C-alpha atoms as a PDB file:
ATOM      1  CA  MET A   1      -4.521  10.587   6.195  1.00  0.00           C
ATOM      2  CA  MET A   2      -1.284   9.978   4.334  1.00  0.00           C
ATOM      3  CA  SER A   3      -0.569   8.226   1.093  1.00  0.00           C
ATOM      4  CA  LEU A   4       1.191   4.874   1.013  1.00  0.00           C
ATOM      5  CA  SER A   5       4.037   6.456  -0.989  1.00  0.00           C
ATOM      6  CA  ASP A   6       4.862   8.636   2.059  1.00  0.00           C
ATOM      7  CA  ALA A   7       5.094   5.711   4.497  1.00  0.00           C
ATOM      8  CA  VAL A   8       8.485   4.643   5.855  1.00  0.00           C
ATOM      9  CA  ASN A   9       9.974   1.193   6.426  1.00  0.00           C
ATOM     10  CA  GLY A  10       8.276  -0.634   9.281  1.00  0.00           C
ATOM     11  CA  PHE A  11       5.113   1.501   9.193  1.00  0.00           C
ATOM     12  CA  SER A  12       1.915  -0.414   9.940  1.00  0.00           C
ATOM     13  CA  GLY A  13      -1.482   1.019   9.191  1.00  0.00           C
ATOM     14  CA  GLU A  14      -4.946   0.513   7.841  1.00  0.00           C
ATOM     15  CA  VAL A  15      -6.101   1.235   4.312  1.00  0.00           C
ATOM     16  CA  ALA A  16      -8.540   4.135   4.532  1.00  0.00           C
ATOM     17  CA  TRP A  17      -9.111   4.687   0.825  1.00  0.00           C
ATOM     18  CA  ASN A  18      -7.916   3.003  -2.375  1.00  0.00           C
ATOM     19  CA  CYS A  19      -8.528   4.527  -5.785  1.00  0.00           C
ATOM     20  CA  ALA A  20      -5.615   2.799  -7.543  1.00  0.00           C
ATOM     21  CA  ASP A  21      -6.446   0.659 -10.567  1.00  0.00           C
ATOM     22  CA  ARG A  22      -7.588  -2.655  -9.077  1.00  0.00           C
ATOM     23  CA  SER A  23      -6.088  -4.646 -11.964  1.00  0.00           C
ATOM     24  CA  LEU A  24      -2.613  -3.775 -10.622  1.00  0.00           C
ATOM     25  CA  PHE A  25      -3.046  -6.029  -7.595  1.00  0.00           C
ATOM     26  CA  GLY A  26      -4.070  -9.300  -9.236  1.00  0.00           C
ATOM     27  CA  ALA A  27      -5.437 -11.879  -6.809  1.00  0.00           C
ATOM     28  CA  CYS A  28      -4.455  -9.863  -3.705  1.00  0.00           C
ATOM     29  CA  GLN A  29      -6.825  -6.891  -3.740  1.00  0.00           C
ATOM     30  CA  LEU A  30      -6.385  -4.064  -1.223  1.00  0.00           C
ATOM     31  CA  GLU A  31      -9.667  -3.241   0.469  1.00  0.00           C
ATOM     32  CA  THR A  32     -10.642  -0.486   2.889  1.00  0.00           C
ATOM     33  CA  GLY A  33      -9.786  -1.654   6.406  1.00  0.00           C
ATOM     34  CA  ASP A  34      -6.955  -4.020   5.408  1.00  0.00           C
ATOM     35  CA  GLN A  35      -3.908  -3.884   7.666  1.00  0.00           C
ATOM     36  CA  VAL A  36      -0.669  -3.246   5.758  1.00  0.00           C
ATOM     37  CA  GLN A  37       2.967  -3.185   6.818  1.00  0.00           C
ATOM     38  CA  VAL A  38       5.619  -1.374   4.789  1.00  0.00           C
ATOM     39  CA  VAL A  39       8.538  -3.750   4.252  1.00  0.00           C
ATOM     40  CA  SER A  40      10.579  -1.371   2.106  1.00  0.00           C
ATOM     41  CA  SER A  41      10.203   2.090   0.635  1.00  0.00           C
ATOM     42  CA  TYR A  42      12.412   3.640  -2.037  1.00  0.00           C
ATOM     43  CA  PHE A  43      11.600   6.980  -3.709  1.00  0.00           C
ATOM     44  CA  GLY A  44       7.866   6.420  -3.182  1.00  0.00           C
ATOM     45  CA  ASN A  45       7.850   2.862  -4.530  1.00  0.00           C
ATOM     46  CA  VAL A  46       6.887   0.473  -1.733  1.00  0.00           C
ATOM     47  CA  ILE A  47       6.855  -3.199  -0.879  1.00  0.00           C
ATOM     48  CA  ILE A  48       4.073  -4.012   1.552  1.00  0.00           C
ATOM     49  CA  LYS A  49       2.933  -7.069   3.439  1.00  0.00           C
ATOM     50  CA  VAL A  50      -0.819  -7.592   3.406  1.00  0.00           C
ATOM     51  CA  LYS A  51      -2.931 -10.714   3.904  1.00  0.00           C
ATOM     52  CA  GLY A  52       0.263 -12.772   4.346  1.00  0.00           C
ATOM     53  CA  LYS A  53       1.611 -11.764   0.934  1.00  0.00           C
ATOM     54  CA  ARG A  54       4.112  -9.166  -0.242  1.00  0.00           C
ATOM     55  CA  LEU A  55       3.238  -6.715  -2.983  1.00  0.00           C
ATOM     56  CA  ALA A  56       5.477  -4.275  -4.826  1.00  0.00           C
ATOM     57  CA  ILE A  57       3.614  -1.069  -5.645  1.00  0.00           C
ATOM     58  CA  THR A  58       4.818   1.733  -7.899  1.00  0.00           C
ATOM     59  CA  ARG A  59       4.874   5.314  -6.698  1.00  0.00           C
ATOM     60  CA  ASP A  60       1.950   6.296  -8.959  1.00  0.00           C
ATOM     61  CA  ALA A  61      -0.300   3.589  -7.490  1.00  0.00           C
ATOM     62  CA  ALA A  62       0.957   4.148  -3.931  1.00  0.00           C
ATOM     63  CA  GLU A  63       0.005   7.833  -4.121  1.00  0.00           C
ATOM     64  CA  ARG A  64      -3.620   6.782  -4.713  1.00  0.00           C
ATOM     65  CA  ILE A  65      -3.783   4.579  -1.609  1.00  0.00           C
ATOM     66  CA  LYS A  66      -4.479   6.459   1.614  1.00  0.00           C
ATOM     67  CA  LEU A  67      -3.687   5.144   5.090  1.00  0.00           C
ATOM     68  CA  ALA A  68      -5.432   5.986   8.349  1.00  0.00           C
END
């Protein structure tokens, strides 16, 4: 398993574990099993595409999301 903050541009994977504060994601919650694609990554901060939407996630939150 690797954290989302370690993923590189273009990486696609499945959320294996998410212990980030759920209030950070608003109406687009990340659930175990969701497919995510990394659109951009910069110093651990990432922009991902999930469920047809793009989310910007800070490094602190991305470190708490593990990918399979």
